[in-house]
N, C-alpha and C. Protein backbone atom coordinates (compact mmCIF):
# COMPACT_ATOMS: atom_id res chain seq x y z
N MET A 1 -35.42 6.20 5.76
CA MET A 1 -34.55 6.02 4.32
C MET A 1 -33.02 5.49 4.58
N ALA A 2 -32.70 4.91 3.90
CA ALA A 2 -31.30 4.16 3.66
C ALA A 2 -30.34 5.42 3.67
N ARG A 3 -29.10 5.17 4.50
CA ARG A 3 -27.99 5.96 4.67
C ARG A 3 -27.02 6.10 3.29
N SER A 4 -26.23 6.99 3.19
CA SER A 4 -25.12 7.25 2.06
C SER A 4 -24.25 6.24 2.60
N ARG A 5 -23.39 5.83 1.50
CA ARG A 5 -22.21 5.29 1.95
C ARG A 5 -21.22 5.78 0.69
N ALA A 6 -19.83 5.58 1.53
CA ALA A 6 -18.59 6.31 0.55
C ALA A 6 -18.05 5.19 -0.09
N TYR A 7 -17.63 5.04 -1.42
CA TYR A 7 -16.91 4.03 -1.93
C TYR A 7 -15.74 4.63 -2.83
N SER A 8 -14.64 3.76 -2.92
CA SER A 8 -13.37 4.47 -3.76
C SER A 8 -12.79 3.07 -4.22
N MET A 9 -12.19 3.49 -5.57
CA MET A 9 -11.07 2.42 -6.07
C MET A 9 -10.20 3.06 -6.94
N ARG A 10 -9.23 2.07 -7.22
CA ARG A 10 -8.12 2.60 -7.90
C ARG A 10 -7.92 1.40 -9.45
N THR A 11 -7.30 2.16 -10.39
CA THR A 11 -6.88 1.18 -11.47
C THR A 11 -5.97 1.87 -12.37
N THR A 12 -5.37 1.29 -13.02
CA THR A 12 -4.18 1.58 -13.84
C THR A 12 -4.81 1.62 -15.21
N PHE A 13 -4.00 2.40 -16.47
CA PHE A 13 -4.24 2.40 -17.64
C PHE A 13 -2.87 2.19 -18.37
N ARG A 14 -2.75 1.69 -19.38
CA ARG A 14 -1.51 1.54 -20.17
C ARG A 14 -1.75 2.54 -21.24
N ALA A 15 -1.59 4.03 -20.72
CA ALA A 15 -1.82 5.15 -21.70
C ALA A 15 -1.45 6.36 -20.97
N PRO A 16 -1.05 7.53 -21.82
CA PRO A 16 -0.69 8.44 -21.04
C PRO A 16 -2.01 9.38 -20.72
N LEU A 17 -1.78 10.37 -19.88
CA LEU A 17 -2.73 11.05 -18.87
C LEU A 17 -3.63 11.67 -20.04
N SER A 18 -3.09 12.40 -20.79
CA SER A 18 -3.87 13.41 -21.84
C SER A 18 -4.78 12.47 -22.64
N PHE A 19 -4.37 11.11 -22.95
CA PHE A 19 -5.40 10.48 -23.88
C PHE A 19 -6.45 9.80 -22.76
N ALA A 20 -5.87 9.31 -21.65
CA ALA A 20 -7.05 8.85 -20.62
C ALA A 20 -8.14 9.71 -20.30
N PHE A 21 -7.65 11.11 -20.15
CA PHE A 21 -8.60 12.22 -19.74
C PHE A 21 -9.69 12.21 -20.75
N ARG A 22 -9.16 12.35 -22.08
CA ARG A 22 -10.22 12.57 -23.18
C ARG A 22 -10.92 11.52 -23.32
N TRP A 23 -10.43 10.07 -23.33
CA TRP A 23 -11.12 9.11 -23.51
C TRP A 23 -12.31 8.72 -22.44
N CYS A 24 -11.71 9.02 -21.04
CA CYS A 24 -12.70 8.81 -19.89
C CYS A 24 -13.81 9.81 -19.79
N THR A 25 -13.79 10.88 -20.39
CA THR A 25 -14.77 11.84 -20.36
C THR A 25 -15.40 12.23 -21.81
N ASP A 26 -15.20 11.18 -22.56
CA ASP A 26 -16.16 11.47 -23.89
C ASP A 26 -17.25 10.39 -23.72
N TYR A 27 -18.17 10.93 -23.22
CA TYR A 27 -19.32 9.94 -23.12
C TYR A 27 -19.98 9.85 -24.29
N SER A 28 -20.52 8.49 -24.84
CA SER A 28 -21.34 8.33 -25.62
C SER A 28 -22.35 7.25 -25.66
N GLU A 29 -23.11 7.17 -26.57
CA GLU A 29 -24.22 6.11 -26.38
C GLU A 29 -23.93 4.60 -26.69
N ASP A 30 -22.29 4.49 -26.94
CA ASP A 30 -21.71 3.17 -27.31
C ASP A 30 -20.99 2.82 -26.06
N ASP A 31 -21.24 3.49 -25.03
CA ASP A 31 -20.36 3.31 -23.63
C ASP A 31 -21.12 1.75 -22.89
N PRO A 32 -22.12 1.62 -23.14
CA PRO A 32 -22.87 0.44 -22.56
C PRO A 32 -21.97 -1.08 -23.16
N ARG A 33 -21.75 -0.95 -24.38
CA ARG A 33 -20.93 -2.05 -24.96
C ARG A 33 -19.47 -2.06 -24.43
N LEU A 34 -18.82 -0.96 -24.26
CA LEU A 34 -17.48 -0.79 -23.58
C LEU A 34 -17.34 -1.30 -22.05
N GLU A 35 -18.70 -0.92 -21.46
CA GLU A 35 -18.74 -1.53 -20.14
C GLU A 35 -19.22 -3.27 -20.11
N LYS A 36 -19.56 -3.52 -21.12
CA LYS A 36 -20.13 -5.06 -21.38
C LYS A 36 -21.52 -5.14 -20.47
N GLU A 37 -22.25 -4.01 -20.33
CA GLU A 37 -23.50 -4.06 -19.93
C GLU A 37 -24.64 -3.82 -20.59
N ARG A 38 -25.68 -3.98 -20.08
CA ARG A 38 -27.20 -3.92 -20.95
C ARG A 38 -27.84 -2.86 -20.46
N PHE A 39 -27.81 -1.51 -20.85
CA PHE A 39 -28.40 -0.45 -20.61
C PHE A 39 -28.46 0.43 -21.77
N GLN A 40 -29.23 1.33 -21.74
CA GLN A 40 -29.36 2.45 -22.88
C GLN A 40 -28.73 3.71 -22.31
N ARG A 41 -27.90 4.34 -23.24
CA ARG A 41 -27.56 5.87 -22.69
C ARG A 41 -27.83 6.66 -23.82
N ARG A 42 -28.09 7.97 -23.43
CA ARG A 42 -28.79 8.90 -24.05
C ARG A 42 -28.08 10.13 -23.69
N VAL A 43 -27.11 10.94 -24.58
CA VAL A 43 -26.39 12.07 -24.35
C VAL A 43 -27.36 13.27 -24.54
N LEU A 44 -27.72 13.93 -23.59
CA LEU A 44 -28.41 15.05 -23.73
C LEU A 44 -28.07 16.26 -24.21
N SER A 45 -26.67 16.82 -23.66
CA SER A 45 -26.06 17.95 -23.87
C SER A 45 -24.82 17.62 -23.66
N ARG A 46 -23.68 18.40 -24.51
CA ARG A 46 -22.36 18.37 -24.45
C ARG A 46 -21.83 19.97 -24.66
N THR A 47 -21.02 20.27 -23.71
CA THR A 47 -20.16 21.72 -23.91
C THR A 47 -18.72 21.19 -23.60
N GLY A 48 -17.85 22.13 -23.79
CA GLY A 48 -16.41 22.09 -23.46
C GLY A 48 -16.17 21.65 -22.07
N ARG A 49 -16.84 21.82 -21.22
CA ARG A 49 -16.76 21.52 -19.59
C ARG A 49 -17.74 20.68 -19.26
N HIS A 50 -19.01 20.48 -19.75
CA HIS A 50 -20.10 19.77 -19.10
C HIS A 50 -20.60 18.56 -20.22
N VAL A 51 -21.12 17.56 -19.24
CA VAL A 51 -21.80 16.42 -20.10
C VAL A 51 -23.16 16.02 -19.59
N VAL A 52 -24.16 15.98 -20.00
CA VAL A 52 -25.37 15.68 -19.34
C VAL A 52 -25.90 14.40 -19.99
N PHE A 53 -26.07 13.21 -19.50
CA PHE A 53 -26.50 11.97 -20.14
C PHE A 53 -27.53 11.27 -19.12
N GLU A 54 -28.10 10.47 -19.81
CA GLU A 54 -28.96 9.63 -18.80
C GLU A 54 -28.91 8.06 -19.16
N ASP A 55 -29.13 7.18 -18.09
CA ASP A 55 -28.79 5.85 -18.46
C ASP A 55 -30.32 5.12 -17.94
N LEU A 56 -30.83 4.32 -18.88
CA LEU A 56 -31.81 3.54 -18.43
C LEU A 56 -31.49 1.77 -18.53
N TYR A 57 -31.95 1.36 -17.35
CA TYR A 57 -31.72 -0.14 -17.15
C TYR A 57 -33.03 -0.63 -17.13
N ASP A 58 -33.33 -1.88 -17.83
CA ASP A 58 -34.51 -2.88 -17.87
C ASP A 58 -34.02 -3.80 -16.53
N THR A 59 -34.80 -3.77 -15.42
CA THR A 59 -34.30 -4.82 -14.26
C THR A 59 -35.82 -5.74 -14.40
N PRO A 60 -35.38 -6.72 -13.43
CA PRO A 60 -36.79 -7.50 -13.23
C PRO A 60 -37.84 -6.68 -12.55
N ASP A 61 -37.39 -5.74 -11.85
CA ASP A 61 -38.52 -5.11 -10.98
C ASP A 61 -38.99 -3.78 -11.84
N GLY A 62 -38.46 -3.67 -12.99
CA GLY A 62 -38.85 -2.29 -13.91
C GLY A 62 -37.68 -1.58 -14.27
N TRP A 63 -37.88 -0.44 -14.78
CA TRP A 63 -36.97 0.39 -15.13
C TRP A 63 -36.09 1.08 -14.03
N SER A 64 -35.07 1.40 -14.05
CA SER A 64 -34.16 2.06 -13.30
C SER A 64 -33.37 3.25 -14.37
N TRP A 65 -33.72 4.42 -13.76
CA TRP A 65 -33.07 5.57 -14.45
C TRP A 65 -32.45 6.56 -13.86
N THR A 66 -31.10 7.01 -14.42
CA THR A 66 -30.42 8.00 -13.79
C THR A 66 -29.71 8.91 -14.79
N ARG A 67 -29.72 10.09 -14.45
CA ARG A 67 -29.31 11.40 -14.97
C ARG A 67 -28.03 11.67 -14.47
N TYR A 68 -27.02 11.86 -15.25
CA TYR A 68 -25.49 12.36 -14.65
C TYR A 68 -25.29 13.70 -15.27
N THR A 69 -24.66 14.30 -14.38
CA THR A 69 -24.24 15.75 -14.95
C THR A 69 -22.81 15.86 -14.70
N VAL A 70 -21.76 15.80 -15.51
CA VAL A 70 -20.42 15.62 -15.52
C VAL A 70 -19.75 16.91 -15.73
N THR A 71 -19.01 17.53 -14.88
CA THR A 71 -18.23 18.67 -15.00
C THR A 71 -16.62 18.32 -15.23
N ARG A 72 -16.10 18.54 -16.47
CA ARG A 72 -14.75 18.23 -16.65
C ARG A 72 -13.75 19.34 -16.19
N HIS A 73 -12.63 18.93 -15.54
CA HIS A 73 -11.55 19.96 -14.91
C HIS A 73 -10.21 19.33 -15.46
N PRO A 74 -10.20 19.77 -16.81
CA PRO A 74 -8.76 19.44 -17.37
C PRO A 74 -7.52 19.91 -16.83
N PRO A 75 -6.50 19.29 -16.53
CA PRO A 75 -6.16 18.19 -17.51
C PRO A 75 -6.28 16.74 -16.96
N ASN A 76 -6.84 16.80 -15.47
CA ASN A 76 -6.83 15.57 -14.76
C ASN A 76 -8.12 15.02 -13.87
N ARG A 77 -9.04 15.90 -13.95
CA ARG A 77 -10.18 15.62 -13.04
C ARG A 77 -11.46 15.87 -13.54
N TRP A 78 -12.68 15.13 -13.06
CA TRP A 78 -13.94 15.37 -13.47
C TRP A 78 -14.59 15.09 -12.41
N HIS A 79 -15.93 15.50 -12.20
CA HIS A 79 -17.01 15.30 -11.33
C HIS A 79 -18.26 15.11 -11.77
N ALA A 80 -18.95 14.08 -11.34
CA ALA A 80 -20.26 13.88 -11.73
C ALA A 80 -21.24 13.67 -10.44
N ASP A 81 -22.49 14.32 -10.73
CA ASP A 81 -23.36 14.24 -9.49
C ASP A 81 -24.76 13.46 -10.55
N ALA A 82 -25.18 12.40 -9.75
CA ALA A 82 -26.28 11.57 -10.64
C ALA A 82 -27.41 11.56 -9.77
N VAL A 83 -28.76 11.88 -10.29
CA VAL A 83 -29.81 11.66 -9.63
C VAL A 83 -30.70 10.47 -10.68
N GLY A 84 -31.46 9.73 -9.73
CA GLY A 84 -32.09 8.57 -10.44
C GLY A 84 -33.12 7.93 -9.57
N SER A 85 -33.85 7.15 -10.16
CA SER A 85 -35.04 6.47 -9.61
C SER A 85 -34.55 5.43 -8.21
N HIS A 86 -33.21 5.05 -8.36
CA HIS A 86 -32.99 3.95 -7.41
C HIS A 86 -31.64 4.53 -6.59
N ARG A 87 -31.14 5.61 -6.98
CA ARG A 87 -29.86 5.94 -6.24
C ARG A 87 -29.50 7.41 -6.67
N ALA A 88 -28.77 7.95 -6.03
CA ALA A 88 -28.02 9.37 -6.38
C ALA A 88 -26.40 9.21 -6.10
N TRP A 89 -25.48 9.79 -6.83
CA TRP A 89 -24.14 9.58 -6.60
C TRP A 89 -23.42 10.76 -6.73
N SER A 90 -22.52 11.01 -5.94
CA SER A 90 -21.70 12.22 -6.06
C SER A 90 -20.25 11.51 -6.37
N LEU A 91 -19.61 11.64 -7.27
CA LEU A 91 -18.30 10.90 -8.01
C LEU A 91 -17.24 11.79 -8.26
N ASN A 92 -16.15 11.70 -7.50
CA ASN A 92 -14.76 12.38 -7.97
C ASN A 92 -14.02 11.50 -8.68
N TYR A 93 -13.48 11.86 -9.78
CA TYR A 93 -12.43 11.37 -10.67
C TYR A 93 -11.07 11.84 -10.77
N THR A 94 -9.95 11.44 -10.33
CA THR A 94 -8.51 11.90 -10.73
C THR A 94 -7.82 10.93 -11.14
N LEU A 95 -6.96 11.58 -12.09
CA LEU A 95 -5.99 10.72 -13.02
C LEU A 95 -4.64 11.35 -12.61
N ARG A 96 -3.66 10.42 -12.46
CA ARG A 96 -2.30 10.90 -12.13
C ARG A 96 -1.60 10.06 -12.93
N GLU A 97 -0.43 10.84 -13.62
CA GLU A 97 0.48 10.13 -14.44
C GLU A 97 1.51 9.46 -13.74
N LEU A 98 1.99 8.27 -14.25
CA LEU A 98 3.01 7.23 -13.63
C LEU A 98 4.09 7.25 -14.41
N LYS A 99 5.45 7.07 -13.93
CA LYS A 99 6.64 7.39 -14.53
C LYS A 99 6.69 6.58 -15.98
N ASP A 100 6.05 5.31 -15.95
CA ASP A 100 6.17 4.37 -17.09
C ASP A 100 5.27 4.59 -18.33
N GLY A 101 4.76 5.92 -18.30
CA GLY A 101 3.75 6.20 -19.29
C GLY A 101 2.22 5.62 -19.15
N ARG A 102 1.93 4.75 -17.97
CA ARG A 102 0.78 4.52 -17.46
C ARG A 102 0.12 5.83 -16.82
N THR A 103 -1.23 5.56 -16.51
CA THR A 103 -2.08 6.77 -15.84
C THR A 103 -2.95 5.86 -14.74
N GLU A 104 -2.86 6.59 -13.40
CA GLU A 104 -3.56 5.79 -12.48
C GLU A 104 -5.05 6.42 -12.16
N LEU A 105 -6.13 5.82 -12.16
CA LEU A 105 -7.36 6.45 -11.86
C LEU A 105 -7.90 6.27 -10.64
N THR A 106 -8.19 7.15 -9.88
CA THR A 106 -8.71 7.25 -8.40
C THR A 106 -10.25 7.62 -8.36
N LEU A 107 -11.08 6.89 -7.98
CA LEU A 107 -12.46 7.23 -8.10
C LEU A 107 -12.81 7.19 -6.67
N ARG A 108 -13.39 8.16 -6.11
CA ARG A 108 -14.13 8.30 -4.76
C ARG A 108 -15.71 8.82 -4.99
N GLY A 109 -16.47 8.31 -4.42
CA GLY A 109 -17.85 8.62 -4.52
C GLY A 109 -18.88 8.32 -3.49
N VAL A 110 -20.01 8.94 -3.37
CA VAL A 110 -20.79 8.70 -2.32
C VAL A 110 -22.25 8.31 -2.65
N ARG A 111 -22.78 7.30 -2.47
CA ARG A 111 -23.93 6.78 -3.20
C ARG A 111 -25.07 6.80 -2.01
N THR A 112 -26.07 7.21 -2.51
CA THR A 112 -27.36 7.35 -1.60
C THR A 112 -28.63 6.78 -2.25
N PRO A 113 -29.08 5.79 -1.56
CA PRO A 113 -30.09 5.09 -2.29
C PRO A 113 -31.51 5.84 -1.96
N THR A 114 -32.42 5.65 -2.91
CA THR A 114 -33.84 6.21 -2.93
C THR A 114 -34.66 5.17 -2.22
N PRO A 115 -35.92 5.62 -1.98
CA PRO A 115 -36.89 4.40 -1.28
C PRO A 115 -36.95 3.18 -2.37
N LEU A 116 -36.99 3.56 -3.65
CA LEU A 116 -37.12 2.24 -4.48
C LEU A 116 -35.79 1.45 -4.45
N GLY A 117 -34.51 2.14 -4.33
CA GLY A 117 -33.49 1.55 -4.40
C GLY A 117 -32.92 0.53 -3.25
N GLY A 118 -33.66 0.70 -2.01
CA GLY A 118 -33.20 -0.05 -0.97
C GLY A 118 -31.84 0.40 -0.32
N GLU A 119 -31.34 -0.60 0.31
CA GLU A 119 -29.95 -0.30 1.16
C GLU A 119 -28.74 -0.47 0.29
N ASN A 120 -27.69 0.34 0.61
CA ASN A 120 -26.60 0.51 -0.26
C ASN A 120 -25.79 -1.20 -0.26
N PRO A 121 -25.20 -1.40 -1.50
CA PRO A 121 -24.29 -2.43 -1.36
C PRO A 121 -23.29 -2.49 -0.29
N SER A 122 -22.74 -3.59 0.07
CA SER A 122 -21.65 -3.34 0.89
C SER A 122 -20.49 -2.69 0.37
N LYS A 123 -19.61 -2.34 1.22
CA LYS A 123 -18.45 -1.61 0.61
C LYS A 123 -17.69 -2.52 -0.52
N ALA A 124 -17.29 -3.76 0.04
CA ALA A 124 -16.56 -4.82 -0.71
C ALA A 124 -17.40 -5.09 -2.04
N ALA A 125 -18.64 -5.37 -2.13
CA ALA A 125 -19.49 -5.44 -3.09
C ALA A 125 -19.37 -4.57 -4.21
N MET A 126 -19.68 -3.40 -3.64
CA MET A 126 -19.74 -2.01 -4.49
C MET A 126 -18.30 -1.70 -5.21
N GLU A 127 -17.49 -1.85 -4.33
CA GLU A 127 -16.01 -1.53 -4.93
C GLU A 127 -15.63 -2.69 -5.88
N GLY A 128 -16.06 -3.93 -5.87
CA GLY A 128 -15.76 -4.86 -6.91
C GLY A 128 -16.60 -4.89 -7.95
N GLU A 129 -17.64 -4.05 -7.90
CA GLU A 129 -18.38 -3.87 -9.17
C GLU A 129 -17.76 -2.77 -9.92
N LEU A 130 -17.27 -1.88 -9.10
CA LEU A 130 -16.86 -0.64 -9.81
C LEU A 130 -15.35 -0.95 -10.51
N ARG A 131 -14.65 -1.77 -9.76
CA ARG A 131 -13.53 -2.27 -10.19
C ARG A 131 -13.81 -3.30 -11.51
N SER A 132 -14.78 -4.09 -11.50
CA SER A 132 -15.15 -4.91 -12.64
C SER A 132 -15.66 -3.87 -14.00
N LEU A 133 -16.17 -2.89 -13.73
CA LEU A 133 -16.69 -1.86 -14.56
C LEU A 133 -15.35 -1.29 -15.11
N TRP A 134 -14.47 -0.57 -14.58
CA TRP A 134 -13.41 -0.12 -14.95
C TRP A 134 -12.34 -1.00 -15.58
N ARG A 135 -12.48 -2.33 -15.24
CA ARG A 135 -11.62 -3.38 -15.77
C ARG A 135 -11.93 -3.15 -17.37
N ASN A 136 -13.22 -3.37 -17.58
CA ASN A 136 -13.78 -3.48 -18.83
C ASN A 136 -13.40 -2.17 -19.43
N LEU A 137 -13.70 -1.08 -18.97
CA LEU A 137 -13.35 0.58 -19.75
C LEU A 137 -11.96 0.57 -19.86
N GLY A 138 -11.24 0.01 -18.99
CA GLY A 138 -9.85 0.21 -19.11
C GLY A 138 -9.17 -0.65 -20.44
N ALA A 139 -9.59 -1.83 -20.69
CA ALA A 139 -9.17 -2.69 -21.82
C ALA A 139 -9.63 -1.86 -22.99
N ALA A 140 -10.98 -1.66 -22.97
CA ALA A 140 -11.43 -0.66 -24.28
C ALA A 140 -10.24 0.54 -24.54
N LEU A 141 -10.23 1.27 -23.43
CA LEU A 141 -9.26 2.59 -23.56
C LEU A 141 -7.89 2.16 -24.19
N GLU A 142 -7.28 0.84 -23.76
CA GLU A 142 -5.90 0.61 -24.02
C GLU A 142 -5.95 0.16 -25.51
N ILE A 143 -6.95 -0.54 -25.92
CA ILE A 143 -6.98 -0.73 -27.22
C ILE A 143 -7.20 0.21 -28.27
N ASP A 144 -7.94 1.38 -27.77
CA ASP A 144 -8.17 2.60 -28.54
C ASP A 144 -6.70 3.27 -28.40
N TYR A 145 -6.06 3.19 -27.37
CA TYR A 145 -4.73 3.90 -27.31
C TYR A 145 -3.68 3.36 -28.44
N ARG A 146 -3.64 1.97 -28.35
CA ARG A 146 -2.63 1.36 -29.26
C ARG A 146 -3.21 1.56 -30.85
N PHE A 147 -4.25 1.61 -30.95
CA PHE A 147 -4.73 1.87 -32.14
C PHE A 147 -4.52 3.40 -32.75
N SER A 148 -4.51 4.26 -31.65
CA SER A 148 -4.24 5.38 -32.18
C SER A 148 -3.00 5.63 -32.44
N GLN A 149 -2.02 4.95 -31.90
CA GLN A 149 -0.81 5.21 -32.02
C GLN A 149 0.02 4.60 -33.38
N ARG A 150 -0.87 3.44 -33.72
CA ARG A 150 -0.46 2.69 -34.82
C ARG A 150 -1.07 3.71 -36.11
N SER A 151 -2.10 4.45 -35.97
CA SER A 151 -2.58 5.29 -36.99
C SER A 151 -1.72 6.60 -37.20
N THR A 152 -1.02 6.94 -36.05
CA THR A 152 -0.28 7.98 -36.32
C THR A 152 1.33 7.82 -36.74
N ASP A 153 1.87 6.24 -37.15
CA ASP A 153 2.90 5.85 -37.46
C ASP A 153 3.01 6.03 -39.05
């Protein structure tokens, strides 16, 4: 069986921490569009502290499925455990308020492939993929934040 590998990345958002936390932990079936990815998301349950959802990707080799269980730790952290057909993840997200009204996100995770998933990507490749995903999400977050500020004026 392939070995687990740790990955990490950081990015910043032009939005305050409280907005970023709410936005980042408000999982929805529209998230694939925000990520600029082609997959289906189904939210199975949502409570104040927990969200469970599944993602389904159609790949050239068949379906890839993952179920995420997210635990929110307001005001600035959340944890996700994911199990799926091709990999498992344990992910920790932390937000830190910056002096200029921006917020920094740090993501740290351990990815374990299943026999269907093969070897883990290289550290550089996976971290590049994570940065790209969060670049897309961050752009959408910032648009939503700017819109929220105009609607309160």
